[in-house]
Structure formats: C-alpha cells, structure tokens
C-alpha cells in the first residue's frame, strides 16, 4: 500500500519529501489475505490512499486527479504513520473502513452510521489476529 503525502504536513519531518510513503509489504499482504478470507461478503481492495491533514480542503480538481491515478481513499494519518515507521524500523500498514463519501456531488458524512460501526467491529478480529501473529513470529526470528 502506498500513501499520497504531498498534502500532509508530518512525513517530511522524517523522510525526504516524496510523492508516496509506503506500508510494509509483508504486513499489508498478511492483512489483505486474512481480511479476504474472513470477510467474504465484503469488498476488500488493496490500493493507495491520499493523505491530507487539512479536513474539508480537498478540491474537486484534486479528487478527479487522484481518482484517475487509482487512489481509493482519502484520510489524514497513514503517510505520517508509514514515514515514522520507516525511520523507526517498525512495520506499518493501514486498513480503512469507508465512511464518508466525497464526490462531484459533494461530501456525504456517514462516519456514525450503523453500517460503518458494524464494519469496524467486523474487521477488528481478523486485524487483531494478523497483528498478534506478526508481532510474535517476527519477534522470534
């Protein structure tokens, strides 16, 4: 998973400015496999996200550009987490539950909706399992 971080104000304090910050390939793969296996009724996708730390500042022009580049989500933290993880030699990844919808029609907030909360609960167990296994096995190696 890669994160767009041109609009994010933390990563450049840790790494040389670049278009992307990257998650751990191994951890991301393990999370993707487990989520795909256990949440068969859900649409699980692997891809990039746009990190911007200025809420409500996304423009329609940016939205269209990132969409054309295949970016799947917009969020506020991932590139900073990935950058700090890289500097500290800690594997990082991200799992997103889509809540709010941003489109040409505007912003539709759904963060507190029942389905979003149910999805958060549902994704917790597989993520916890992967992280527990990942931390234990990597520590033993």
Protein backbone atom coordinates (compact mmCIF):
# COMPACT_ATOMS: atom_id res chain seq x y z
CA UNK A 1 0.00 0.00 0.00
CA UNK A 2 1.27 3.44 -0.80
CA UNK A 3 0.02 6.72 0.54
CA UNK A 4 -0.03 10.05 -1.21
CA UNK A 5 1.53 12.57 1.15
CA UNK A 6 2.08 15.80 -0.74
CA UNK A 7 -0.78 17.37 1.23
CA UNK A 8 0.32 16.01 4.57
CA UNK A 9 2.50 18.02 6.94
CA UNK A 10 4.29 15.41 9.05
CA UNK A 11 6.14 12.96 6.79
CA UNK A 12 8.68 15.50 5.53
CA UNK A 13 9.98 15.82 9.10
CA UNK A 14 11.11 12.17 8.95
CA UNK A 15 11.87 11.41 5.30
CA UNK A 16 12.94 13.35 2.26
CA UNK A 17 9.85 14.75 0.55
CA UNK A 18 8.40 12.28 -1.94
CA UNK A 19 5.06 11.62 -3.57
CA UNK A 20 4.49 8.38 -1.65
CA UNK A 21 5.05 6.87 1.77
CA UNK A 22 4.93 3.09 1.87
CA UNK A 23 3.47 0.49 4.21
CA UNK A 24 5.19 -2.79 4.97
CA UNK A 25 4.60 -5.13 2.03
CA UNK A 26 4.64 -8.21 4.27
CA UNK A 27 2.21 -6.86 6.88
CA UNK A 28 -0.08 -5.42 4.21
CA UNK A 29 -0.16 -8.74 2.34
CA UNK A 30 -0.93 -10.66 5.53
CA UNK A 31 -3.76 -8.28 6.41
CA UNK A 32 -5.19 -8.42 2.89
CA UNK A 33 -5.14 -12.23 2.80
CA UNK A 34 -6.77 -12.59 6.23
CA UNK A 35 -9.45 -9.97 5.56
CA UNK A 36 -10.24 -11.51 2.17
CA UNK A 37 -10.52 -14.99 3.73
CA UNK A 38 -12.66 -13.98 6.70
CA UNK A 39 -14.84 -11.22 5.28
CA UNK A 40 -16.02 -12.92 2.10
CA UNK A 41 -19.19 -10.84 1.86
CA UNK A 42 -17.22 -7.57 1.96
CA UNK A 43 -15.45 -5.77 -0.86
CA UNK A 44 -11.79 -5.82 0.18
CA UNK A 45 -9.44 -3.79 -2.01
CA UNK A 46 -5.71 -3.19 -1.93
CA UNK A 47 -4.52 0.16 -3.19
CA UNK A 48 -3.29 3.62 -2.46
CA UNK A 49 -4.75 6.41 -0.38
CA UNK A 50 -4.41 10.18 -0.40
CA UNK A 51 -3.32 11.60 2.94
CA UNK A 52 -4.32 15.20 3.62
CA UNK A 53 -4.21 16.70 7.09
CA UNK A 54 -6.50 19.64 6.33
CA UNK A 55 -10.10 18.45 6.71
CA UNK A 56 -12.59 19.84 4.22
CA UNK A 57 -9.83 21.22 1.99
CA UNK A 58 -9.99 18.57 -0.73
CA UNK A 59 -10.83 20.14 -4.07
CA UNK A 60 -12.81 18.66 -6.94
CA UNK A 61 -9.72 19.01 -9.16
CA UNK A 62 -7.62 17.00 -6.69
CA UNK A 63 -10.36 14.41 -6.25
CA UNK A 64 -10.54 13.82 -10.00
CA UNK A 65 -6.76 13.68 -10.36
CA UNK A 66 -6.29 11.15 -7.56
CA UNK A 67 -9.22 9.07 -8.77
CA UNK A 68 -7.66 8.95 -12.27
CA UNK A 69 -4.44 7.71 -10.64
CA UNK A 70 -6.33 4.84 -8.97
CA UNK A 71 -6.35 6.25 -5.44
CA UNK A 72 -9.08 4.53 -3.41
CA UNK A 73 -9.43 6.61 -0.24
CA UNK A 74 -8.66 9.92 1.40
CA UNK A 75 -7.62 10.05 5.05
CA UNK A 76 -5.48 12.06 7.46
CA UNK A 77 -2.83 9.85 9.08
CA UNK A 78 -1.41 6.98 7.06
CA UNK A 79 1.56 8.61 5.35
CA UNK A 80 2.79 10.03 8.67
CA UNK A 81 2.49 6.60 10.32
CA UNK A 82 4.33 4.95 7.41
CA UNK A 83 7.10 7.56 7.48
CA UNK A 84 7.69 7.30 11.22
CA UNK A 85 7.57 3.50 10.96
CA UNK A 86 10.22 3.53 8.25
CA UNK A 87 12.52 5.76 10.30
CA UNK A 88 11.97 3.68 13.45
CA UNK A 89 12.20 0.36 11.57
CA UNK A 90 8.67 -0.65 12.59
CA UNK A 91 6.40 -2.35 10.09
CA UNK A 92 3.21 -0.43 9.43
CA UNK A 93 0.08 -0.83 7.37
CA UNK A 94 -3.43 0.57 7.26
CA UNK A 95 -6.94 -0.81 6.96
CA UNK A 96 -9.71 1.63 6.09
CA UNK A 97 -13.45 1.32 6.50
CA UNK A 98 -15.07 3.68 4.04
CA UNK A 99 -17.42 6.04 5.84
CA UNK A 100 -17.77 9.49 4.36
CA UNK A 101 -18.22 9.76 0.60
CA UNK A 102 -16.51 12.54 -1.34
CA UNK A 103 -17.60 13.03 -4.94
CA UNK A 104 -18.53 15.62 -7.51
CA UNK A 105 -21.90 15.84 -5.75
CA UNK A 106 -20.23 16.92 -2.52
CA UNK A 107 -19.42 15.36 0.81
CA UNK A 108 -21.74 12.82 2.41
CA UNK A 109 -20.73 12.14 6.05
CA UNK A 110 -21.56 8.61 7.23
CA UNK A 111 -18.98 8.13 9.99
CA UNK A 112 -21.51 7.40 12.71
CA UNK A 113 -23.80 5.26 10.57
CA UNK A 114 -24.78 1.79 11.74
CA UNK A 115 -23.11 0.02 8.80
CA UNK A 116 -19.79 1.80 9.34
CA UNK A 117 -19.81 0.87 13.03
CA UNK A 118 -20.70 -2.75 12.18
CA UNK A 119 -17.86 -2.90 9.64
CA UNK A 120 -15.39 -1.54 12.20
CA UNK A 121 -16.38 -4.27 14.65
CA UNK A 122 -16.25 -6.95 11.95
CA UNK A 123 -12.75 -6.03 10.78
CA UNK A 124 -11.31 -5.92 14.29
CA UNK A 125 -10.88 -9.69 14.91
CA UNK A 126 -9.00 -10.53 11.68
CA UNK A 127 -6.74 -7.49 12.06
CA UNK A 128 -6.02 -8.38 15.68
CA UNK A 129 -5.18 -11.96 14.67
CA UNK A 130 -2.72 -10.85 11.98
CA UNK A 131 -1.05 -8.30 14.23
CA UNK A 132 -0.69 -10.78 17.10
CA UNK A 133 0.83 -13.42 14.81
CA UNK A 134 3.02 -10.87 13.03
CA UNK A 135 4.43 -9.48 16.27
CA UNK A 136 5.06 -12.89 17.83
CA UNK A 137 6.67 -14.55 14.80
CA UNK A 138 8.76 -11.55 13.84
CA UNK A 139 9.98 -11.29 17.43
CA UNK A 140 11.08 -14.94 17.42
CA UNK A 141 13.07 -14.66 14.18
